Amino acid sequence: MKGRWGKNHFINAKIMNKKRLWLMLAVACGLSLLLPVNGLKAAANTTTLAADTIIHFANGGTNGMDIVVAAASTVESFTLTDEVGNTKLVFELDTGSALHLKSNGRKNFEDSPNVASTDCTSSSSYSTYDYTATSDDYTLTITFTETDNCPTSSGSPGGGGGGGGGDTTAPTISSIEATAKDTEATIVWTTSEASISWVVYGGTTAYGNEAKTAVYKTAHSTTLSGLTPVTTYHYQIKAQDSSGNASYYGDKTFTTLATSTTPTPPPTTPAPSASTPTVTTPESSVPSANLDMKLAKRLTGRLLLRVERGGEIWYVDTKEYKRYQVTFANALFVFQKLSLGITDANLAKIPVNGTSETGNVALRNRLKGKLLLQVQKGGAIWYVDTKGYRHSVTWANLMDLFRKLALGITNANLDKIPAGSL
């Protein structure tokens, strides 16, 4: 199967048995692939790795490291191993296959057999590795270690050594302050060195939402919007410097204010008084007594539009009848957790929306409300509506399509459906 990895896509080493399926899914949907599941390896069939594709290591001795495809590269297959003490890229190459890689953390590419060397002189901010295979069925193993970086020197790029290893110290996060209003909160913090940084937040320590700053700096600020008044939120701050060293700060909380209250930073532990607003239970932990499973089952497989809060989109899964918010940031995680694999033959039995075909009525009825993953043709995503017609889901049409198909729902009724966790 011939494939092409789109620009600025991520390939994460933490993938289990669905490795090939979800790699194809990122291509089909045009989404960044950062799968939060435990595993050992990821593999791909004969393919072209496009320039700027990012191979992301999340574990092992190189936590947070990114290896970038510097220029389009052709490989027969590749495997990523991302464990403590065992961080490797293994490529299968045929004659003429060219490999062009770059490390923004100036890592050394230790290859076996020794057929090429790391170029540490082209830039002070990254190292490169280039190799073209001269025989078929050639296996190339590249190993990375925590401290094995190109030597640095005080001066221009490519200076002659003497500076020891590269930066291995993660940025320190401090001076964190959260100022909450009724439906938004602004969080500010500093890092000890220029870093990109982000906030994960939600009703519990499972978080589920993310706000990221993409500029390397030491003073950071982000505003979280679309929050529920008088609600306690958990949040955590993470940071990563240009060498790939990452750090995080432990869980913190803030509480949004009542709509009529003048916005002021809420106290960490509000003292009981007549003027203290009553804090409502976060959505993700609504007491079971307030849940309505009959309503949840009636809305199974439906896309819901939260009409009283900015038009949020929610999907009710067809197994546990739980609701999941759908955003650009978490769409891949939703599809990974909730979609059902389907063959081309069975998918063809479900007519595309807008056609007059009948298809297989029994199969259409059984798959109403399902998210489907087309496992044989690049991992395309489809949604089957309440009439049994399928709709193609892509990065370009994701939110507009789901809003078009969604059923409006009030806050009160949405709160009666149990919330799922990704």
Protein backbone atom coordinates (compact mmCIF):
# COMPACT_ATOMS: atom_id res chain seq x y z
CA MET A 1 0.00 0.00 0.00
CA LYS A 2 1.52 3.31 -1.06
CA GLY A 3 1.02 6.27 1.28
CA ARG A 4 2.16 9.82 1.86
CA TRP A 5 2.47 11.57 5.20
CA GLY A 6 1.07 15.11 5.13
CA LYS A 7 3.02 18.17 6.18
CA ASN A 8 3.35 18.88 9.93
CA HIS A 9 1.88 15.52 10.97
CA PHE A 10 3.08 13.71 14.07
CA ILE A 11 3.95 10.03 14.35
CA ASN A 12 3.95 9.01 18.02
CA ALA A 13 5.89 6.02 19.28
CA LYS A 14 3.23 5.08 21.89
CA ILE A 15 1.05 2.84 19.69
CA MET A 16 -0.22 -0.71 20.23
CA ASN A 17 -1.99 -3.16 17.90
CA LYS A 18 -3.87 -0.38 16.08
CA LYS A 19 -0.56 1.16 15.00
CA ARG A 20 -1.02 0.97 11.23
CA LEU A 21 -4.72 1.83 11.44
CA TRP A 22 -4.15 5.07 13.33
CA LEU A 23 -1.15 6.09 11.26
CA MET A 24 -3.43 5.88 8.21
CA LEU A 25 -6.14 7.78 10.10
CA ALA A 26 -3.84 10.79 10.54
CA VAL A 27 -3.26 10.90 6.80
CA ALA A 28 -6.93 10.59 5.90
CA CYS A 29 -8.17 13.24 8.30
CA GLY A 30 -5.19 15.58 8.13
CA LEU A 31 -4.87 15.50 11.92
CA SER A 32 -1.83 15.41 14.22
CA LEU A 33 -1.32 11.90 15.59
CA LEU A 34 -0.49 11.92 19.32
CA LEU A 35 -2.11 8.80 20.69
CA PRO A 36 -2.23 8.49 24.51
CA VAL A 37 -2.08 4.69 24.66
CA ASN A 38 0.69 2.48 26.00
CA GLY A 39 2.68 0.36 23.57
CA LEU A 40 6.00 -0.58 22.11
CA LYS A 41 6.21 -0.10 18.37
CA ALA A 42 4.71 1.66 15.37
CA ALA A 43 5.16 0.53 11.78
CA ALA A 44 4.21 1.71 8.32
CA ASN A 45 4.14 0.06 4.91
CA THR A 46 6.13 1.32 1.91
CA THR A 47 5.64 5.06 2.01
CA THR A 48 7.03 8.51 1.40
CA LEU A 49 7.64 10.52 4.56
CA ALA A 50 6.91 14.12 3.58
CA ALA A 51 9.16 16.99 4.58
CA ASP A 52 8.35 18.38 8.05
CA THR A 53 6.74 15.12 9.23
CA ILE A 54 7.51 14.85 12.96
CA ILE A 55 8.36 11.51 14.61
CA HIS A 56 7.58 12.06 18.28
CA PHE A 57 9.09 10.02 21.14
CA ALA A 58 7.07 10.24 24.36
CA ASN A 59 8.84 7.72 26.61
CA GLY A 60 12.23 6.07 26.97
CA GLY A 61 15.40 7.98 27.69
CA THR A 62 14.50 10.79 25.28
CA ASN A 63 11.19 11.99 26.74
CA GLY A 64 9.54 14.53 24.46
CA MET A 65 12.09 14.26 21.64
CA ASP A 66 11.02 15.06 18.08
CA ILE A 67 12.85 13.82 14.98
CA VAL A 68 11.88 15.81 11.88
CA VAL A 69 11.94 14.58 8.29
CA ALA A 70 14.19 17.29 6.79
CA ALA A 71 13.26 16.45 3.18
CA ALA A 72 10.93 13.94 1.56
CA SER A 73 12.23 10.43 2.32
CA THR A 74 11.28 7.05 0.86
CA VAL A 75 11.39 3.91 3.00
CA GLU A 76 10.19 0.33 2.63
CA SER A 77 8.99 0.29 6.25
CA PHE A 78 9.96 1.66 9.63
CA THR A 79 9.55 0.74 13.28
CA LEU A 80 9.72 2.98 16.35
CA THR A 81 10.73 1.56 19.73
CA ASP A 82 10.17 3.95 22.62
CA GLU A 83 11.09 2.36 25.95
CA VAL A 84 13.39 3.31 28.82
CA GLY A 85 16.89 2.42 27.66
CA ASN A 86 15.70 1.37 24.21
CA THR A 87 14.86 4.32 21.95
CA LYS A 88 15.30 3.39 18.30
CA LEU A 89 14.20 3.99 14.72
CA VAL A 90 14.55 0.95 12.45
CA PHE A 91 14.19 1.48 8.68
CA GLU A 92 13.92 -1.11 5.94
CA LEU A 93 15.34 0.35 2.72
CA ASP A 94 15.67 -0.67 -0.92
CA THR A 95 18.29 0.49 -3.41
CA GLY A 96 18.00 4.24 -3.95
CA SER A 97 15.82 4.83 -0.87
CA ALA A 98 16.84 8.17 0.59
CA LEU A 99 16.51 9.13 4.25
CA HIS A 100 16.80 12.77 5.43
CA LEU A 101 16.32 13.44 9.16
CA LYS A 102 16.83 16.40 11.49
CA SER A 103 16.97 16.78 15.30
CA ASN A 104 16.15 20.20 16.73
CA GLY A 105 17.72 19.00 20.00
CA ARG A 106 21.03 18.29 18.16
CA LYS A 107 20.87 14.57 18.95
CA ASN A 108 23.48 12.21 17.57
CA PHE A 109 22.08 9.64 15.11
CA GLU A 110 23.95 6.48 16.10
CA ASP A 111 23.39 4.14 13.14
CA SER A 112 24.08 0.44 12.81
CA PRO A 113 25.79 -0.58 10.63
CA ASN A 114 27.92 2.54 10.56
CA VAL A 115 27.05 3.88 7.10
CA ALA A 116 26.60 7.63 7.67
CA SER A 117 27.44 10.22 10.29
CA THR A 118 25.55 12.95 12.09
CA ASP A 119 26.13 16.43 10.67
CA CYS A 120 26.54 18.78 13.65
CA THR A 121 27.93 21.71 11.66
CA SER A 122 25.01 22.89 9.52
CA SER A 123 23.31 24.82 12.33
CA SER A 124 23.72 25.70 16.00
CA SER A 125 20.11 24.68 16.65
CA TYR A 126 19.81 21.28 14.96
CA SER A 127 21.72 18.27 13.64
CA THR A 128 21.03 16.30 10.45
CA TYR A 129 21.41 12.75 9.14
CA ASP A 130 21.32 11.70 5.45
CA TYR A 131 21.69 8.25 3.92
CA THR A 132 20.84 6.64 0.56
CA ALA A 133 20.62 2.84 0.44
CA THR A 134 22.84 1.00 -2.06
CA SER A 135 21.23 -2.44 -1.77
CA ASP A 136 17.79 -3.99 -1.38
CA ASP A 137 16.27 -5.28 1.87
CA TYR A 138 18.67 -3.11 3.86
CA THR A 139 18.04 -2.70 7.60
CA LEU A 140 19.22 0.54 9.22
CA THR A 141 18.92 0.99 12.99
CA ILE A 142 19.27 4.47 14.52
CA THR A 143 19.63 4.69 18.31
CA PHE A 144 19.23 7.76 20.55
CA THR A 145 20.28 8.28 24.18
CA GLU A 146 19.42 10.91 26.76
CA THR A 147 22.72 12.80 26.83
CA ASP A 148 24.23 11.97 23.44
CA ASN A 149 24.02 15.35 21.70
CA CYS A 150 26.30 17.13 19.26
CA PRO A 151 29.08 19.04 21.02
CA THR A 152 28.51 22.78 21.32
CA SER A 153 30.92 25.70 21.41
CA SER A 154 30.63 29.36 22.30
CA GLY A 155 30.60 30.94 18.88
CA SER A 156 29.17 30.46 15.43
CA PRO A 157 27.51 27.23 14.22
CA GLY A 158 29.82 24.35 13.53
CA GLY A 159 32.61 25.40 15.94
CA GLY A 160 35.13 22.73 16.76
CA GLY A 161 33.83 21.07 19.93
CA GLY A 162 34.94 21.78 23.47
CA GLY A 163 31.53 22.66 24.85
CA GLY A 164 30.38 19.25 26.08
CA GLY A 165 26.85 17.85 25.55
CA GLY A 166 23.75 19.79 24.64
CA ASP A 167 21.05 21.20 26.89
CA THR A 168 19.46 18.42 28.99
CA THR A 169 17.82 20.59 31.65
CA ALA A 170 14.05 20.98 31.51
CA PRO A 171 12.54 24.45 32.07
CA THR A 172 11.29 25.31 35.55
CA ILE A 173 7.68 26.55 35.79
CA SER A 174 6.84 29.19 38.43
CA SER A 175 4.80 32.31 39.31
CA ILE A 176 1.50 30.70 38.37
CA GLU A 177 -1.61 32.84 38.79
CA ALA A 178 -5.19 32.19 37.67
CA THR A 179 -7.78 34.97 37.40
CA ALA A 180 -11.30 33.67 36.81
CA LYS A 181 -14.44 35.35 35.52
CA ASP A 182 -17.81 33.71 35.00
CA THR A 183 -17.14 31.93 31.67
CA GLU A 184 -13.38 32.38 31.23
CA ALA A 185 -10.14 32.33 33.16
CA THR A 186 -6.71 33.81 32.41
CA ILE A 187 -3.66 31.89 33.58
CA VAL A 188 -0.16 33.41 33.63
CA TRP A 189 3.16 31.76 34.49
CA THR A 190 6.89 31.97 33.80
CA THR A 191 9.56 29.48 32.73
CA SER A 192 13.24 29.58 33.56
CA GLU A 193 14.15 29.52 29.86
CA ALA A 194 12.44 30.22 26.55
CA SER A 195 9.88 27.45 26.05
CA ILE A 196 6.67 26.56 24.35
CA SER A 197 4.09 25.90 27.03
CA TRP A 198 0.52 24.71 27.38
CA VAL A 199 -2.33 24.22 29.85
CA VAL A 200 -4.46 21.09 30.13
CA TYR A 201 -7.70 21.64 32.04
CA GLY A 202 -11.12 20.19 32.84
CA GLY A 203 -13.65 19.34 35.52
CA THR A 204 -11.41 16.61 36.99
CA THR A 205 -7.74 15.63 36.95
CA ALA A 206 -8.49 13.74 33.74
CA TYR A 207 -8.52 17.26 32.19
CA GLY A 208 -9.58 16.66 28.56
CA ASN A 209 -8.99 20.18 27.16
CA GLU A 210 -5.80 21.95 26.09
CA ALA A 211 -4.64 25.49 25.34
CA LYS A 212 -1.14 25.82 23.85
CA THR A 213 1.30 28.65 23.24
CA ALA A 214 3.45 28.05 20.15
CA VAL A 215 6.10 30.74 20.70
CA TYR A 216 9.31 30.16 22.67
CA LYS A 217 9.34 32.68 25.53
CA THR A 218 9.67 32.93 29.32
CA ALA A 219 6.49 34.88 30.21
CA HIS A 220 3.33 33.00 29.31
CA SER A 221 -0.38 33.77 29.38
CA THR A 222 -3.47 32.05 28.04
CA THR A 223 -7.21 32.62 28.41
CA LEU A 224 -9.56 29.65 28.74
CA SER A 225 -13.02 30.47 27.41
CA GLY A 226 -16.40 28.75 27.27
CA LEU A 227 -16.30 27.79 30.95
CA THR A 228 -19.31 27.15 33.18
CA PRO A 229 -20.02 29.78 35.89
CA VAL A 230 -19.55 28.80 39.53
CA THR A 231 -17.55 25.67 38.68
CA THR A 232 -14.22 24.34 39.94
CA TYR A 233 -11.70 23.46 37.24
CA HIS A 234 -8.46 21.50 37.52
CA TYR A 235 -5.48 22.51 35.41
CA GLN A 236 -1.84 21.61 34.87
CA ILE A 237 0.93 23.55 33.11
CA LYS A 238 3.55 21.90 30.89
CA ALA A 239 6.60 23.34 29.13
CA GLN A 240 9.25 22.23 26.64
CA ASP A 241 12.43 24.03 25.58
CA SER A 242 14.00 24.06 22.10
CA SER A 243 16.15 21.05 22.98
CA GLY A 244 13.09 18.93 23.70
CA ASN A 245 13.44 18.93 27.50
CA ALA A 246 9.95 18.87 29.02
CA SER A 247 8.54 19.56 32.48
CA TYR A 248 5.18 20.00 34.15
CA TYR A 249 3.72 21.59 37.27
CA GLY A 250 1.39 19.64 39.57
CA ASP A 251 -2.39 19.93 39.52
CA LYS A 252 -3.93 23.28 40.50
CA THR A 253 -7.52 24.53 40.57
CA PHE A 254 -9.57 27.68 40.06
CA THR A 255 -13.29 28.37 40.46
CA THR A 256 -15.31 30.44 38.01
CA LEU A 257 -17.58 33.16 39.37
CA ALA A 258 -21.32 33.60 39.24
CA THR A 259 -22.42 35.65 36.22
CA SER A 260 -23.43 38.68 38.31
CA THR A 261 -20.22 38.73 40.35
CA THR A 262 -17.47 41.26 39.65
CA PRO A 263 -14.51 39.28 38.27
CA THR A 264 -11.81 38.85 40.93
CA PRO A 265 -9.31 36.07 41.57
CA PRO A 266 -11.18 33.41 43.61
CA PRO A 267 -9.64 32.28 46.94
CA THR A 268 -8.07 28.82 46.95
CA THR A 269 -10.40 27.69 49.73
CA PRO A 270 -13.48 29.93 49.99
CA ALA A 271 -14.45 30.73 53.56
CA PRO A 272 -18.13 29.95 54.27
CA SER A 273 -20.23 33.11 54.31
CA ALA A 274 -23.57 34.39 53.10
CA SER A 275 -21.90 36.01 50.09
CA THR A 276 -19.94 32.94 48.99
CA PRO A 277 -21.53 31.44 45.84
CA THR A 278 -22.55 27.79 45.91
CA VAL A 279 -20.12 25.75 43.82
CA THR A 280 -21.86 23.37 41.43
CA THR A 281 -20.61 19.88 40.67
CA PRO A 282 -18.36 19.71 37.55
CA GLU A 283 -19.98 18.14 34.50
CA SER A 284 -17.69 15.15 34.54
CA SER A 285 -18.82 14.16 38.04
CA VAL A 286 -22.56 14.89 38.01
CA PRO A 287 -24.24 12.90 40.84
CA SER A 288 -25.81 9.72 39.52
CA ALA A 289 -29.16 10.80 40.98
CA ASN A 290 -29.30 13.62 38.43
CA LEU A 291 -28.57 11.36 35.44
CA ASP A 292 -31.31 10.17 33.10
CA MET A 293 -30.21 6.95 31.38
CA LYS A 294 -33.47 6.74 29.44
CA LEU A 295 -32.62 10.09 27.85
CA ALA A 296 -29.02 8.96 27.24
CA LYS A 297 -30.17 5.76 25.49
CA ARG A 298 -32.73 7.68 23.44
CA LEU A 299 -29.95 9.98 22.19
CA THR A 300 -27.34 7.25 21.60
CA GLY A 301 -25.30 7.89 18.47
CA ARG A 302 -26.59 11.44 18.16
CA LEU A 303 -24.51 14.55 17.69
CA LEU A 304 -25.73 17.24 20.11
CA LEU A 305 -25.43 21.03 19.80
CA ARG A 306 -25.26 22.78 23.17
CA VAL A 307 -27.39 25.79 22.30
CA GLU A 308 -26.91 27.67 25.59
CA ARG A 309 -23.12 27.63 25.61
CA GLY A 310 -21.42 28.72 22.45
CA GLY A 311 -22.56 25.88 20.21
CA GLU A 312 -20.40 23.09 21.70
CA ILE A 313 -20.63 19.76 19.87
CA TRP A 314 -21.11 16.51 21.83
CA TYR A 315 -21.42 12.89 20.69
CA VAL A 316 -23.26 10.17 22.65
CA ASP A 317 -21.51 6.83 22.23
CA THR A 318 -23.51 3.72 21.38
CA LYS A 319 -22.02 1.36 23.98
CA GLU A 320 -22.01 3.09 27.37
CA TYR A 321 -24.36 5.97 26.42
CA LYS A 322 -21.81 8.57 27.56
CA ARG A 323 -21.26 11.97 25.98
CA TYR A 324 -17.95 13.23 24.62
CA GLN A 325 -17.23 16.77 23.53
CA VAL A 326 -15.83 16.99 19.98
CA THR A 327 -13.26 19.71 19.23
CA PHE A 328 -10.40 20.10 16.79
CA ALA A 329 -7.99 19.38 19.65
CA ASN A 330 -9.49 16.04 20.72
CA ALA A 331 -11.10 14.72 17.51
CA LEU A 332 -8.46 12.04 16.94
CA PHE A 333 -8.82 10.78 20.51
CA VAL A 334 -12.62 10.59 20.11
CA PHE A 335 -12.31 8.64 16.85
CA GLN A 336 -9.66 6.35 18.34
CA LYS A 337 -11.80 5.49 21.35
CA LEU A 338 -15.27 5.31 19.80
CA SER A 339 -15.03 4.41 16.11
CA LEU A 340 -15.86 0.96 14.73
CA GLY A 341 -13.64 -0.60 12.04
CA ILE A 342 -15.42 -1.54 8.81
CA THR A 343 -14.31 -3.23 5.57
CA ASP A 344 -14.74 -1.65 2.15
CA ALA A 345 -17.30 -4.34 1.24
CA ASN A 346 -19.56 -3.56 4.21
CA LEU A 347 -19.07 0.19 3.91
CA ALA A 348 -20.29 0.00 0.30
CA LYS A 349 -23.58 -1.41 1.61
CA ILE A 350 -24.28 1.89 3.40
CA PRO A 351 -25.31 4.59 0.90
CA VAL A 352 -23.57 7.96 0.91
CA ASN A 353 -25.74 10.88 1.97
CA GLY A 354 -27.38 12.58 -0.99
CA THR A 355 -27.75 9.41 -3.06
CA SER A 356 -30.94 7.42 -3.71
CA GLU A 357 -29.36 4.02 -3.11
CA THR A 358 -30.99 1.59 -0.69
CA GLY A 359 -27.99 -0.50 0.30
CA ASN A 360 -28.30 -3.12 3.02
CA VAL A 361 -31.22 -1.96 5.19
CA ALA A 362 -30.40 -4.29 8.09
CA LEU A 363 -26.77 -3.11 8.21
CA ARG A 364 -27.81 0.53 7.90
CA ASN A 365 -30.18 0.22 10.86
CA ARG A 366 -27.55 -1.56 12.96
CA LEU A 367 -24.90 1.09 12.31
CA LYS A 368 -27.03 4.22 12.76
CA GLY A 369 -25.18 6.74 14.92
CA LYS A 370 -21.84 4.92 14.59
CA LEU A 371 -18.46 6.45 13.83
CA LEU A 372 -16.81 4.12 11.28
CA LEU A 373 -13.13 3.66 10.47
CA GLN A 374 -12.51 2.45 6.89
CA VAL A 375 -9.63 0.08 7.62
CA GLN A 376 -8.72 -0.88 4.05
CA LYS A 377 -8.55 2.53 2.36
CA GLY A 378 -6.29 4.87 4.30
CA GLY A 379 -8.29 4.94 7.54
CA ALA A 380 -11.06 7.33 6.44
CA ILE A 381 -13.69 8.28 9.05
CA TRP A 382 -17.44 8.13 8.36
CA TYR A 383 -20.50 8.99 10.45
CA VAL A 384 -23.81 7.18 9.88
CA ASP A 385 -26.77 9.51 10.51
CA THR A 386 -30.16 8.62 11.99
CA LYS A 387 -31.50 7.71 8.54
CA GLY A 388 -28.71 5.27 7.82
CA TYR A 389 -26.72 7.40 5.38
CA ARG A 390 -22.96 7.85 5.77
CA HIS A 391 -21.08 11.16 5.78
CA SER A 392 -17.33 11.52 5.15
CA VAL A 393 -15.56 13.22 8.08
CA THR A 394 -12.38 15.19 7.30
CA TRP A 395 -10.33 17.87 9.01
CA ALA A 396 -11.80 20.47 6.64
CA ASN A 397 -15.48 19.67 7.30
CA LEU A 398 -15.37 18.24 10.84
CA MET A 399 -17.06 20.98 12.88
CA ASP A 400 -19.38 22.28 10.14
CA LEU A 401 -20.61 18.78 9.32
CA PHE A 402 -21.21 17.85 12.95
CA ARG A 403 -23.04 21.12 13.64
CA LYS A 404 -25.22 20.54 10.58
CA LEU A 405 -26.18 17.05 11.78
CA ALA A 406 -26.47 17.91 15.47
CA LEU A 407 -29.63 18.05 17.54
CA GLY A 408 -29.99 21.10 19.80
CA ILE A 409 -29.98 20.40 23.54
CA THR A 410 -30.26 22.54 26.67
CA ASN A 411 -27.68 22.58 29.47
CA ALA A 412 -30.18 20.91 31.80
CA ASN A 413 -30.77 17.96 29.49
CA LEU A 414 -27.12 17.62 28.51
CA ASP A 415 -26.18 17.37 32.20
CA LYS A 416 -28.48 14.35 32.52
CA ILE A 417 -26.26 12.33 30.17
CA PRO A 418 -23.16 10.86 31.86
CA ALA A 419 -19.86 12.34 30.66
CA GLY A 420 -17.20 10.01 29.29
CA SER A 421 -13.43 10.39 29.67
CA LEU A 422 -10.83 10.04 26.93
